[in-house]
Amino acid sequence: MAAGIAPAATVLSPRMDAGSGIDIRLESWLDGCPPAGAVPIRIRIRNVEKQTHTWTITSMCNTGGTSSVDITVEGGKEGERMMYAPVLLHPESSYYTTIDFRVKGPGVADQSAGNLHNSGGYGSSRTEFIGMSAGLHAKGWSALENKFSGSHSGTALQGSKVEIPAAPEDWRGYTGLAQLWMDDGDWTSMSATAKAAMLEWVAMGGDVHLLCGDTSVARLEQLGLPPVVDSRRRVGAGEIHVQSWSGSSLPLDSMVTDIKAGKDASRRELMSGYSKKWGLAEIVGPLTIKSGLIFSFIAIFGLLVGPVNLFWLAGAGQRQRLFWTTPLLSLAASGLLLVLMVLQDGIGGSGARTIFALMLPEQKRLAVTQEQVAKTGVLLGRGFDRADADLMAPISINSTGRQSSNWQSRFNVEESESHRNGAWFASRSLQSHLLQTIRPSRASIEIFSAEGSAPSVLSTVEAPLKRMFIVDDAGKVWAAEDVGTGEKTTMRASDIAELEQWMHDHAGKASGPMVKSLLQQVEKRPGFAYAEAADASKFAIGTLPSVRWNHERLLLAGPYVKR
């Protein structure tokens, strides 16, 4: 199995039955557990038996969240598949995270396969989680650690060595990283699929730092890097930073500066920001309790099960009736209470969500980020199917829009590749989630320019656009209203002030930290289009079907296509 396989940072294996001959390996690209995101695990199994067998691999994070995948391997063959084990952010922003892996199936003597962890600590004492290629790691990770620990703040460097030849081929595999550091040799060694996945992660706000011994225009063009626009190599909401170096020792001082500068836009920092009150929670409103109705129910039940039951239904000489009158009264009261709950809260729930879709026309992809708050009544079921290869993170809040103290029960969630269950949604609760995915899409905004006249726009977005803006290459702003799919519309002259006001009114008020950060990374960028769509449901990441989304907003942004 090891022949021709790229090395992994960490290999985990369960203890097998003596003489089984079955070999099971869980290969992690990371040698530590990030504070949030996903851990990519390559599962390799060699089945030496004649029968076809199925194994279940489960990940369990100490901050909540269980994930599982099944892998079936025919007799006498080897099997391989990827698992993206979710890591849910600790609500107190602690960096102490551990993710355990278990394997269940034929030949397994001890299901425990090991774990990935970090040493703990809080945000003020640690950097964000950094990924560094094995070559750079060997040349200067220890020296970089000393730079941080020896500074006045005494910050500890947190991160992992990564094997670039084993880089994940799915964008979710990079989400545990705040930054990825590599050199030009690492860049050229990445497979085309892994590089495309990495660029999708960059488009979602990721940060790649590339050290090059030769930073000439010819060399950088040879590497196939994104073009420079306004002195920056941007991909969607993220960026690729190119820096010259000697090839022997790391530029430690500049690396310390860059690592510290990336903190505010990291996944951990942005998700921690949901602990503050934000717009969607205000739109949905707090859970309410009709105290008069509850008090009346308690008083009537107490009267019936007490005096009425004792002195009338089971009076003197008939006390044996208490053995059946009391249970019947309790059952009737329980039924009545359920009816009152349904009348008060209804079946299912309602909620509000903001969807930000970043168009990537060159890659023919659509990067979707969704923030949502749901207020539920009586739920008849809590499980739901997954339609996307997505990441979903619960954000526990209470009626004031702040994180709840019972986060442990709220983060007790489960997922497989096709289904989610557990405490993602609970009856009579106020719950918030962050979801992200990247989908294939041909959605784009096409601009037709003519000398001396206003440009025209043609949208291939599936939903009509209520209002849209573009910032052309000269920095001039144009706007249009009611842009239908496939209909060419002439734009009117606008200005930055109108664009800023629109973004504040339609994005800033209801958006949480993640969407706000993504919008800030792409706002007022030359060559970009911005729009609000009339129908958000076509772009939404589906969750519990019984939740009715009464308030939806879809915001789109991305480079437009010149015609």
Protein backbone atom coordinates (compact mmCIF):
# COMPACT_ATOMS: atom_id res chain seq x y z
CA MET A 1 0.00 0.00 0.00
CA ALA A 2 2.89 2.35 0.70
CA ALA A 3 4.36 2.01 -2.79
CA GLY A 4 3.91 5.19 -4.82
CA ILE A 5 1.86 6.89 -2.07
CA ALA A 6 2.69 10.44 -1.06
CA PRO A 7 3.67 10.68 2.61
CA ALA A 8 1.11 11.92 5.11
CA ALA A 9 1.83 14.12 8.10
CA THR A 10 0.18 11.60 10.45
CA VAL A 11 -0.91 7.97 10.00
CA LEU A 12 -3.49 6.51 12.40
CA SER A 13 -4.47 2.83 12.62
CA PRO A 14 -6.68 0.69 14.86
CA ARG A 15 -5.31 -2.44 16.52
CA MET A 16 -6.25 -5.42 14.37
CA ASP A 17 -6.99 -9.05 15.21
CA ALA A 18 -3.91 -11.20 15.16
CA GLY A 19 -3.57 -12.95 11.83
CA SER A 20 -6.36 -11.04 10.08
CA GLY A 21 -4.00 -9.59 7.48
CA ILE A 22 -6.33 -6.64 6.93
CA ASP A 23 -4.48 -3.34 6.89
CA ILE A 24 -6.30 -0.07 7.74
CA ARG A 25 -4.65 3.34 7.64
CA LEU A 26 -6.08 6.80 8.22
CA GLU A 27 -3.70 9.31 6.67
CA SER A 28 -4.02 12.91 7.81
CA TRP A 29 -2.64 15.84 5.83
CA LEU A 30 -2.31 17.69 9.15
CA ASP A 31 -0.31 16.64 12.20
CA GLY A 32 -2.51 18.69 14.55
CA CYS A 33 -6.16 19.57 15.00
CA PRO A 34 -7.23 23.05 13.82
CA PRO A 35 -9.68 25.09 15.93
CA ALA A 36 -12.38 25.14 13.21
CA GLY A 37 -13.03 23.84 9.71
CA ALA A 38 -12.38 20.28 8.56
CA VAL A 39 -9.60 17.71 8.80
CA PRO A 40 -9.04 15.78 5.54
CA ILE A 41 -8.43 12.06 6.15
CA ARG A 42 -7.46 9.64 3.41
CA ILE A 43 -8.73 6.16 4.33
CA ARG A 44 -6.79 3.20 2.88
CA ILE A 45 -7.85 -0.40 3.47
CA ARG A 46 -6.31 -3.61 2.14
CA ASN A 47 -8.78 -6.49 2.36
CA VAL A 48 -6.88 -9.78 2.08
CA GLU A 49 -9.96 -11.90 2.74
CA LYS A 50 -12.12 -13.41 0.02
CA GLN A 51 -15.35 -11.76 1.18
CA THR A 52 -16.36 -8.16 0.52
CA HIS A 53 -16.39 -6.17 3.75
CA THR A 54 -17.59 -2.75 4.88
CA TRP A 55 -15.95 -0.61 7.54
CA THR A 56 -17.31 2.50 9.28
CA ILE A 57 -14.91 5.28 10.20
CA THR A 58 -16.14 7.80 12.77
CA SER A 59 -14.64 11.08 13.93
CA MET A 60 -15.56 12.68 17.27
CA CYS A 61 -14.48 16.20 18.19
CA ASN A 62 -14.24 17.25 21.83
CA THR A 63 -16.02 20.53 21.04
CA GLY A 64 -18.98 18.63 19.61
CA GLY A 65 -19.77 16.97 16.32
CA THR A 66 -19.64 13.40 15.09
CA SER A 67 -19.06 12.40 11.48
CA SER A 68 -18.95 8.99 9.81
CA VAL A 69 -18.26 7.42 6.43
CA ASP A 70 -18.52 3.86 5.17
CA ILE A 71 -16.00 2.21 2.89
CA THR A 72 -16.61 -1.12 1.14
CA VAL A 73 -13.66 -3.12 -0.21
CA GLU A 74 -13.96 -6.25 -2.29
CA GLY A 75 -12.09 -9.37 -1.23
CA GLY A 76 -8.44 -9.41 -2.26
CA LYS A 77 -8.44 -5.73 -3.20
CA GLU A 78 -7.47 -2.35 -1.81
CA GLY A 79 -9.86 0.56 -1.29
CA GLU A 80 -9.43 4.26 -0.73
CA ARG A 81 -11.71 7.20 0.00
CA MET A 82 -11.59 10.66 1.58
CA MET A 83 -13.24 11.84 4.77
CA TYR A 84 -13.58 15.49 5.82
CA ALA A 85 -13.99 15.37 9.57
CA PRO A 86 -15.63 18.55 10.90
CA VAL A 87 -14.14 20.54 13.78
CA LEU A 88 -16.64 22.80 15.50
CA LEU A 89 -15.34 25.99 17.04
CA HIS A 90 -15.32 26.03 20.83
CA PRO A 91 -17.78 28.77 21.87
CA GLU A 92 -15.29 30.25 24.32
CA SER A 93 -12.73 30.62 21.50
CA SER A 94 -10.41 28.11 23.11
CA TYR A 95 -7.77 26.52 20.93
CA TYR A 96 -7.95 23.25 22.86
CA THR A 97 -9.37 20.81 20.34
CA THR A 98 -9.03 17.07 19.93
CA ILE A 99 -10.55 14.87 17.26
CA ASP A 100 -10.68 11.10 17.85
CA PHE A 101 -11.08 8.47 15.15
CA ARG A 102 -12.67 5.05 15.49
CA VAL A 103 -12.92 2.17 13.02
CA LYS A 104 -15.64 -0.50 13.17
CA GLY A 105 -15.62 -3.56 10.97
CA PRO A 106 -14.14 -7.00 10.29
CA GLY A 107 -10.69 -7.67 11.71
CA VAL A 108 -10.70 -4.69 14.07
CA ALA A 109 -9.70 -5.65 17.63
CA ASP A 110 -9.73 -2.16 19.14
CA GLN A 111 -11.91 0.43 17.43
CA SER A 112 -9.81 3.39 18.64
CA ALA A 113 -7.44 4.49 15.85
CA GLY A 114 -5.87 7.50 17.57
CA ASN A 115 -6.42 11.23 17.52
CA LEU A 116 -5.19 14.62 16.40
CA HIS A 117 -4.97 17.39 18.97
CA ASN A 118 -3.26 20.61 19.92
CA SER A 119 -1.92 21.77 23.24
CA GLY A 120 -4.66 24.28 23.99
CA GLY A 121 -4.64 27.97 24.83
CA TYR A 122 -6.71 31.02 23.98
CA GLY A 123 -6.64 33.43 21.09
CA SER A 124 -4.50 36.02 22.86
CA SER A 125 -1.70 33.50 23.45
CA ARG A 126 -1.63 31.72 20.08
CA THR A 127 -1.45 32.50 16.41
CA GLU A 128 -4.02 31.25 13.93
CA PHE A 129 -3.54 27.72 12.59
CA ILE A 130 -0.85 27.87 9.88
CA GLY A 131 -0.05 25.22 7.28
CA MET A 132 3.55 25.02 6.07
CA SER A 133 4.98 22.71 3.42
CA ALA A 134 7.37 20.04 4.67
CA GLY A 135 10.34 21.65 2.91
CA LEU A 136 9.81 25.07 4.49
CA HIS A 137 8.95 23.47 7.81
CA ALA A 138 12.30 21.70 7.95
CA LYS A 139 14.18 24.89 7.13
CA GLY A 140 12.73 27.19 9.71
CA TRP A 141 9.65 26.19 11.73
CA SER A 142 11.63 26.04 14.99
CA ALA A 143 13.24 29.42 14.31
CA LEU A 144 9.80 30.89 13.53
CA GLU A 145 8.44 29.45 16.80
CA ASN A 146 11.27 31.13 18.69
CA LYS A 147 10.47 34.44 16.98
CA PHE A 148 6.92 34.32 18.30
CA SER A 149 7.63 32.96 21.78
CA GLY A 150 10.50 35.41 22.23
CA SER A 151 8.39 38.43 21.32
CA HIS A 152 7.04 40.84 23.91
CA SER A 153 3.55 39.27 23.74
CA GLY A 154 4.90 35.73 24.12
CA THR A 155 2.59 34.40 21.39
CA ALA A 156 2.90 30.71 20.53
CA LEU A 157 3.00 29.63 16.89
CA GLN A 158 0.24 27.14 16.08
CA GLY A 159 0.05 25.11 12.92
CA SER A 160 1.04 21.99 11.07
CA LYS A 161 3.54 20.64 8.61
CA VAL A 162 1.76 19.57 5.41
CA GLU A 163 2.89 17.27 2.62
CA ILE A 164 2.11 19.14 -0.60
CA PRO A 165 2.12 15.99 -2.80
CA ALA A 166 -0.71 14.68 -0.58
CA ALA A 167 -2.69 17.95 -0.73
CA PRO A 168 -6.50 17.52 -0.60
CA GLU A 169 -8.47 17.61 -3.84
CA ASP A 170 -11.50 19.23 -2.20
CA TRP A 171 -11.68 22.83 -0.92
CA ARG A 172 -12.96 21.62 2.47
CA GLY A 173 -9.57 20.08 3.16
CA TYR A 174 -7.99 23.54 3.50
CA THR A 175 -10.63 25.15 5.74
CA GLY A 176 -8.78 24.35 8.96
CA LEU A 177 -5.92 26.64 7.85
CA ALA A 178 -5.72 30.39 8.27
CA GLN A 179 -2.73 30.56 5.90
CA LEU A 180 -0.80 28.12 3.71
CA TRP A 181 2.94 28.69 3.19
CA MET A 182 4.87 27.00 0.38
CA ASP A 183 7.64 27.67 -2.14
CA ASP A 184 7.54 27.67 -5.93
CA GLY A 185 8.70 24.05 -6.04
CA ASP A 186 5.74 23.03 -3.90
CA TRP A 187 3.42 25.01 -6.19
CA THR A 188 4.60 23.18 -9.30
CA SER A 189 4.42 19.78 -7.58
CA MET A 190 0.72 20.08 -6.75
CA SER A 191 -1.64 18.09 -8.93
CA ALA A 192 -4.04 20.09 -11.10
CA THR A 193 -7.03 18.89 -9.07
CA ALA A 194 -5.43 19.78 -5.73
CA LYS A 195 -4.41 23.19 -7.02
CA ALA A 196 -7.93 23.89 -8.27
CA ALA A 197 -9.31 22.92 -4.84
CA MET A 198 -6.79 25.15 -3.11
CA LEU A 199 -7.77 28.11 -5.33
CA GLU A 200 -11.43 27.49 -4.49
CA TRP A 201 -10.49 27.77 -0.82
CA VAL A 202 -8.59 30.98 -1.58
CA ALA A 203 -11.71 32.34 -3.31
CA MET A 204 -13.60 31.72 -0.06
CA GLY A 205 -11.13 33.97 1.78
CA GLY A 206 -8.09 31.73 2.09
CA ASP A 207 -4.54 33.05 2.17
CA VAL A 208 -1.56 31.48 0.33
CA HIS A 209 2.00 32.76 0.83
CA LEU A 210 4.40 31.69 -1.92
CA LEU A 211 8.17 32.04 -1.44
CA CYS A 212 10.05 32.29 -4.74
CA GLY A 213 13.77 32.47 -5.35
CA ASP A 214 13.07 34.07 -8.73
CA THR A 215 10.27 36.65 -8.76
CA SER A 216 10.78 37.82 -12.32
CA VAL A 217 7.71 38.35 -14.47
CA ALA A 218 8.73 35.46 -16.72
CA ARG A 219 9.06 33.04 -13.77
CA LEU A 220 5.76 34.04 -12.19
CA GLU A 221 3.98 33.69 -15.54
CA GLN A 222 5.54 30.25 -15.88
CA LEU A 223 4.04 29.29 -12.52
CA GLY A 224 0.58 30.21 -13.82
CA LEU A 225 -0.25 32.53 -10.93
CA PRO A 226 -3.33 34.78 -11.03
CA PRO A 227 -2.62 38.18 -12.64
CA VAL A 228 -1.71 41.24 -10.59
CA VAL A 229 -4.54 43.75 -10.16
CA ASP A 230 -3.82 46.84 -8.06
CA SER A 231 -0.50 45.23 -7.00
CA ARG A 232 -2.32 42.18 -5.55
CA ARG A 233 -2.89 38.64 -6.82
CA ARG A 234 -6.49 38.10 -5.80
CA VAL A 235 -8.71 35.08 -6.29
CA GLY A 236 -12.26 35.87 -5.21
CA ALA A 237 -12.17 36.99 -1.58
CA GLY A 238 -8.67 35.62 -0.95
CA GLU A 239 -5.18 36.35 -2.10
CA ILE A 240 -1.90 34.75 -3.14
CA HIS A 241 1.10 36.63 -1.72
CA VAL A 242 4.40 36.26 -3.56
CA GLN A 243 7.61 36.96 -1.65
CA SER A 244 11.26 36.68 -2.63
CA TRP A 245 13.62 34.61 -0.49
CA SER A 246 17.11 33.16 -0.59
CA GLY A 247 16.01 29.53 -0.76
CA SER A 248 17.94 28.54 2.35
CA SER A 249 16.60 30.42 5.39
CA LEU A 250 13.07 31.70 5.92
CA PRO A 251 12.39 35.48 5.96
CA LEU A 252 11.33 35.26 9.60
CA ASP A 253 10.60 38.92 10.34
CA SER A 254 8.26 39.39 7.38
CA MET A 255 6.60 36.02 8.09
CA VAL A 256 5.81 37.07 11.67
CA THR A 257 4.22 40.27 10.35
CA ASP A 258 2.16 38.43 7.73
CA ILE A 259 0.95 35.74 10.15
CA LYS A 260 -0.17 38.33 12.69
CA ALA A 261 -1.88 40.40 9.98
CA GLY A 262 -4.07 37.48 8.94
CA LYS A 263 -5.76 37.03 12.32
CA ASP A 264 -8.78 39.29 11.81
CA ALA A 265 -9.92 37.46 8.66
CA SER A 266 -9.32 33.92 9.92
CA ARG A 267 -12.17 31.43 10.14
CA ARG A 268 -11.76 31.10 13.91
CA GLU A 269 -11.81 34.85 14.49
CA LEU A 270 -14.81 35.45 12.24
CA MET A 271 -16.84 32.63 13.77
CA SER A 272 -16.03 33.91 17.24
CA GLY A 273 -17.61 37.20 16.17
CA TYR A 274 -21.07 35.63 16.15
CA SER A 275 -21.05 35.83 19.93
CA LYS A 276 -22.09 39.45 19.49
CA LYS A 277 -25.64 40.39 18.58
CA TRP A 278 -26.21 40.51 14.82
CA GLY A 279 -28.96 41.43 12.38
CA LEU A 280 -30.58 38.09 11.55
CA ALA A 281 -31.18 37.28 15.22
CA GLU A 282 -33.01 40.60 15.58
CA ILE A 283 -35.14 39.88 12.49
CA VAL A 284 -36.19 36.46 13.82
CA GLY A 285 -36.73 37.78 17.32
CA PRO A 286 -36.47 36.04 20.69
CA LEU A 287 -38.40 33.03 21.89
CA THR A 288 -41.46 34.11 23.85
CA ILE A 289 -43.28 32.39 26.68
CA LYS A 290 -46.96 33.03 27.37
CA SER A 291 -46.56 33.03 31.12
CA GLY A 292 -50.28 33.50 31.79
CA LEU A 293 -51.15 30.39 29.76
CA ILE A 294 -48.43 28.33 31.45
CA PHE A 295 -49.46 29.49 34.93
CA SER A 296 -53.12 28.73 34.22
CA PHE A 297 -52.21 25.23 33.01
CA ILE A 298 -50.14 24.53 36.13
CA ALA A 299 -52.91 25.84 38.43
CA ILE A 300 -55.67 23.83 36.73
CA PHE A 301 -53.55 20.66 36.65
CA GLY A 302 -52.68 21.07 40.31
CA LEU A 303 -56.35 21.54 41.19
CA LEU A 304 -57.41 18.44 39.23
CA VAL A 305 -54.65 16.07 40.34
CA GLY A 306 -54.91 17.32 43.94
CA PRO A 307 -58.23 18.24 45.56
CA VAL A 308 -60.56 17.08 42.75
CA ASN A 309 -58.76 13.77 42.40
CA LEU A 310 -58.41 13.18 46.13
CA PHE A 311 -61.85 14.25 47.37
CA TRP A 312 -64.15 13.58 44.41
CA LEU A 313 -62.72 11.06 41.90
CA ALA A 314 -61.12 8.94 44.66
CA GLY A 315 -62.92 10.04 47.75
CA ALA A 316 -63.09 8.31 51.11
CA GLY A 317 -63.52 4.57 50.77
CA GLN A 318 -62.41 4.65 47.11
CA ARG A 319 -58.73 5.53 47.46
CA GLN A 320 -57.76 2.62 45.21
CA ARG A 321 -59.01 4.69 42.28
CA LEU A 322 -55.90 6.85 42.66
CA PHE A 323 -53.95 4.07 40.90
CA TRP A 324 -55.75 4.81 37.64
CA THR A 325 -57.18 8.35 38.02
CA THR A 326 -53.73 9.92 38.64
CA PRO A 327 -52.08 8.33 35.56
CA LEU A 328 -55.10 9.22 33.40
CA LEU A 329 -55.06 12.84 34.58
CA SER A 330 -51.31 13.02 33.91
CA LEU A 331 -51.70 11.56 30.41
CA ALA A 332 -54.55 13.93 29.63
CA ALA A 333 -52.50 16.88 30.91
CA SER A 334 -49.53 15.82 28.78
CA GLY A 335 -51.76 15.65 25.72
CA LEU A 336 -53.24 19.04 26.49
CA LEU A 337 -49.77 20.49 27.00
CA LEU A 338 -48.68 19.16 23.60
CA VAL A 339 -51.77 20.74 22.01
CA LEU A 340 -50.98 24.05 23.72
CA MET A 341 -47.37 23.89 22.44
CA VAL A 342 -48.57 23.29 18.88
CA LEU A 343 -51.12 26.12 19.15
CA GLN A 344 -48.52 28.48 20.56
CA ASP A 345 -45.43 27.59 18.50
CA GLY A 346 -46.77 25.62 15.53
CA ILE A 347 -45.21 22.70 13.69
CA GLY A 348 -41.74 23.20 12.24
CA GLY A 349 -40.25 26.66 12.45
CA SER A 350 -39.48 29.92 10.74
CA GLY A 351 -36.28 31.79 10.14
CA ALA A 352 -34.17 34.26 8.24
CA ARG A 353 -31.05 33.71 6.16
CA THR A 354 -28.53 35.73 4.21
CA ILE A 355 -26.84 34.09 1.24
CA PHE A 356 -23.70 35.47 -0.34
CA ALA A 357 -22.79 33.91 -3.69
CA LEU A 358 -19.36 34.69 -5.13
CA MET A 359 -19.28 34.09 -8.88
CA LEU A 360 -16.06 32.59 -10.26
CA PRO A 361 -16.68 32.62 -14.02
CA GLU A 362 -13.16 31.50 -15.00
CA GLN A 363 -13.43 28.39 -12.82
CA LYS A 364 -17.16 28.02 -13.61
CA ARG A 365 -17.87 27.82 -9.90
CA LEU A 366 -20.13 29.52 -7.40
CA ALA A 367 -18.90 29.92 -3.82
CA VAL A 368 -21.89 30.12 -1.46
CA THR A 369 -21.79 31.32 2.15
CA GLN A 370 -25.04 31.18 4.11
CA GLU A 371 -25.84 32.60 7.54
CA GLN A 372 -29.16 31.63 9.08
CA VAL A 373 -31.18 31.90 12.28
CA ALA A 374 -34.20 29.65 12.89
CA LYS A 375 -36.86 29.77 15.60
CA THR A 376 -38.56 26.41 15.93
CA GLY A 377 -41.82 25.17 17.44
CA VAL A 378 -42.65 21.47 17.65
CA LEU A 379 -40.39 19.42 15.36
CA LEU A 380 -41.65 16.06 14.13
CA GLY A 381 -38.16 15.21 12.86
CA ARG A 382 -34.66 16.69 13.16
CA GLY A 383 -32.74 14.90 10.42
CA PHE A 384 -32.26 16.22 6.88
CA ASP A 385 -30.44 15.26 3.70
CA ARG A 386 -27.32 16.97 2.40
CA ALA A 387 -27.54 18.12 -1.19
CA ASP A 388 -24.06 19.68 -1.27
CA ALA A 389 -20.53 18.77 -0.28
CA ASP A 390 -20.66 21.53 2.29
CA LEU A 391 -19.49 22.61 5.72
CA MET A 392 -22.08 23.43 8.38
CA ALA A 393 -21.27 24.88 11.78
CA PRO A 394 -23.78 25.51 14.58
CA ILE A 395 -23.55 28.83 16.39
CA SER A 396 -25.31 28.57 19.72
CA ILE A 397 -27.21 31.72 20.65
CA ASN A 398 -29.92 32.55 23.15
CA SER A 399 -32.86 34.92 22.91
CA THR A 400 -30.58 37.97 23.25
CA GLY A 401 -28.56 36.91 20.23
CA ARG A 402 -25.59 35.87 22.38
CA GLN A 403 -24.06 32.43 22.79
CA SER A 404 -25.94 30.12 25.08
CA SER A 405 -24.43 28.54 28.17
CA ASN A 406 -25.73 25.08 27.16
CA TRP A 407 -23.43 24.91 24.15
CA GLN A 408 -22.46 21.28 24.84
CA SER A 409 -25.97 19.96 24.12
CA ARG A 410 -26.45 22.34 21.20
CA PHE A 411 -23.20 21.17 19.55
CA ASN A 412 -24.09 17.47 19.90
CA VAL A 413 -24.54 17.07 16.15
CA GLU A 414 -24.05 14.20 13.72
CA GLU A 415 -23.41 13.95 10.01
CA SER A 416 -22.59 11.51 7.25
CA GLU A 417 -21.86 12.21 3.61
CA SER A 418 -25.55 12.32 2.71
CA HIS A 419 -27.42 13.14 5.94
CA ARG A 420 -27.31 15.26 9.11
CA ASN A 421 -28.98 14.53 12.43
CA GLY A 422 -28.77 15.37 16.10
CA ALA A 423 -29.05 18.82 17.64
CA TRP A 424 -28.69 20.87 14.47
CA PHE A 425 -32.32 21.76 15.17
CA ALA A 426 -34.31 21.23 18.37
CA SER A 427 -37.94 21.84 19.29
CA ARG A 428 -38.73 25.28 20.66
CA SER A 429 -35.24 26.67 20.16
CA LEU A 430 -33.48 29.62 18.62
CA GLN A 431 -30.54 28.33 16.60
CA SER A 432 -28.02 29.78 14.20
CA HIS A 433 -25.80 28.15 11.58
CA LEU A 434 -23.06 28.99 9.14
CA LEU A 435 -22.94 26.97 5.89
CA GLN A 436 -20.52 27.07 2.97
CA THR A 437 -20.20 25.19 -0.28
CA ILE A 438 -18.76 25.50 -3.78
CA ARG A 439 -20.86 24.38 -6.74
CA PRO A 440 -20.34 24.09 -10.49
CA SER A 441 -22.12 27.04 -12.11
CA ARG A 442 -22.22 29.01 -15.35
CA ALA A 443 -23.73 32.05 -13.60
CA SER A 444 -22.03 35.24 -14.75
CA ILE A 445 -22.57 38.91 -15.51
CA GLU A 446 -21.62 39.91 -19.06
CA ILE A 447 -20.90 43.54 -19.89
CA PHE A 448 -21.13 44.98 -23.41
CA SER A 449 -19.34 48.30 -23.80
CA ALA A 450 -19.56 50.74 -26.69
CA GLU A 451 -17.50 53.89 -27.20
CA GLY A 452 -19.33 56.98 -25.97
CA SER A 453 -22.42 55.20 -24.60
CA ALA A 454 -23.51 53.46 -21.42
CA PRO A 455 -22.65 49.77 -21.15
CA SER A 456 -25.26 47.04 -21.36
CA VAL A 457 -25.49 44.04 -19.06
CA LEU A 458 -26.58 40.45 -19.73
CA SER A 459 -27.12 38.13 -16.76
CA THR A 460 -26.91 34.35 -16.90
CA VAL A 461 -27.76 34.11 -13.19
CA GLU A 462 -30.71 31.75 -12.68
CA ALA A 463 -32.77 34.32 -10.76
CA PRO A 464 -33.82 37.86 -11.84
CA LEU A 465 -31.69 40.62 -10.32
CA LYS A 466 -33.58 43.35 -8.48
CA ARG A 467 -30.65 45.74 -8.58
CA MET A 468 -27.05 45.54 -9.67
CA PHE A 469 -23.88 47.62 -9.88
CA ILE A 470 -20.59 47.26 -11.69
CA VAL A 471 -17.28 49.03 -11.15
CA ASP A 472 -15.52 49.24 -14.52
CA ASP A 473 -11.76 49.13 -15.07
CA ALA A 474 -11.57 52.92 -14.79
CA GLY A 475 -13.33 52.88 -11.41
CA LYS A 476 -16.60 54.31 -12.75
CA VAL A 477 -19.80 52.88 -11.21
CA TRP A 478 -22.82 51.84 -13.29
CA ALA A 479 -26.19 50.55 -12.08
CA ALA A 480 -29.29 48.80 -13.40
CA GLU A 481 -32.62 47.59 -12.00
CA ASP A 482 -34.82 44.58 -12.82
CA VAL A 483 -32.25 42.67 -14.84
CA GLY A 484 -33.88 39.46 -16.08
CA THR A 485 -32.02 36.29 -16.95
CA GLY A 486 -30.89 36.38 -20.58
CA GLU A 487 -32.21 39.93 -21.13
CA LYS A 488 -29.81 42.67 -22.20
CA THR A 489 -30.33 45.84 -20.14
CA THR A 490 -28.76 49.28 -20.59
CA MET A 491 -27.09 50.56 -17.43
CA ARG A 492 -27.16 54.08 -16.00
CA ALA A 493 -24.35 56.11 -14.52
CA SER A 494 -23.97 55.84 -10.74
CA ASP A 495 -21.27 56.57 -8.16
CA ILE A 496 -19.41 55.03 -5.24
CA ALA A 497 -21.69 56.69 -2.69
CA GLU A 498 -24.78 54.95 -4.10
CA LEU A 499 -22.98 51.62 -4.19
CA GLU A 500 -21.80 52.01 -0.59
CA GLN A 501 -25.29 52.97 0.58
CA TRP A 502 -26.80 49.95 -1.17
CA MET A 503 -24.23 47.61 0.37
CA HIS A 504 -24.92 49.07 3.80
CA ASP A 505 -28.71 48.83 3.46
CA HIS A 506 -28.88 45.42 1.83
CA ALA A 507 -25.82 43.68 3.24
CA GLY A 508 -24.41 45.31 6.32
CA LYS A 509 -27.51 45.35 8.50
CA ALA A 510 -28.46 41.69 8.40
CA SER A 511 -25.10 40.08 7.62
CA GLY A 512 -22.93 38.36 10.19
CA PRO A 513 -19.11 38.43 10.49
CA MET A 514 -18.38 35.90 7.72
CA VAL A 515 -20.51 37.52 5.00
CA LYS A 516 -19.37 41.01 6.04
CA SER A 517 -15.73 39.97 5.78
CA LEU A 518 -16.19 38.40 2.33
CA LEU A 519 -17.99 41.52 1.08
CA GLN A 520 -15.25 43.76 2.45
CA GLN A 521 -12.64 41.73 0.58
CA VAL A 522 -14.36 42.26 -2.78
CA GLU A 523 -16.16 45.61 -2.39
CA LYS A 524 -15.56 48.45 -4.86
CA ARG A 525 -13.13 46.31 -6.87
CA PRO A 526 -12.59 47.34 -10.53
CA GLY A 527 -13.96 44.73 -12.92
CA PHE A 528 -16.49 43.45 -10.40
CA ALA A 529 -20.29 43.23 -10.38
CA TYR A 530 -22.58 43.33 -7.34
CA ALA A 531 -26.26 42.40 -7.26
CA GLU A 532 -29.26 41.39 -5.20
CA ALA A 533 -31.42 38.59 -6.58
CA ALA A 534 -35.19 38.36 -6.25
CA ASP A 535 -35.26 34.62 -5.52
CA ALA A 536 -32.76 33.42 -2.91
CA SER A 537 -34.11 29.86 -2.58
CA LYS A 538 -32.43 28.64 -5.78
CA PHE A 539 -29.01 29.38 -4.31
CA ALA A 540 -29.65 28.37 -0.69
CA ILE A 541 -27.95 25.42 0.97
CA GLY A 542 -30.78 23.20 2.14
CA THR A 543 -31.24 22.22 5.77
CA LEU A 544 -34.37 21.17 7.73
CA PRO A 545 -37.36 21.15 5.30
CA SER A 546 -39.93 22.04 7.98
CA VAL A 547 -38.32 25.47 8.59
CA ARG A 548 -40.03 28.25 6.62
CA TRP A 549 -37.61 30.98 5.59
CA ASN A 550 -39.74 34.10 5.85
CA HIS A 551 -36.84 36.47 5.32
CA GLU A 552 -34.24 35.73 2.65
CA ARG A 553 -31.63 37.87 0.98
CA LEU A 554 -29.29 36.81 -1.81
CA LEU A 555 -26.26 38.93 -2.57
CA LEU A 556 -24.00 38.19 -5.53
CA ALA A 557 -20.57 39.48 -6.40
CA GLY A 558 -17.80 38.50 -8.76
CA PRO A 559 -15.75 39.56 -11.75
CA TYR A 560 -17.87 40.38 -14.78
CA VAL A 561 -17.15 39.05 -18.25
CA LYS A 562 -16.29 41.61 -20.92
CA ARG A 563 -17.93 41.21 -24.32
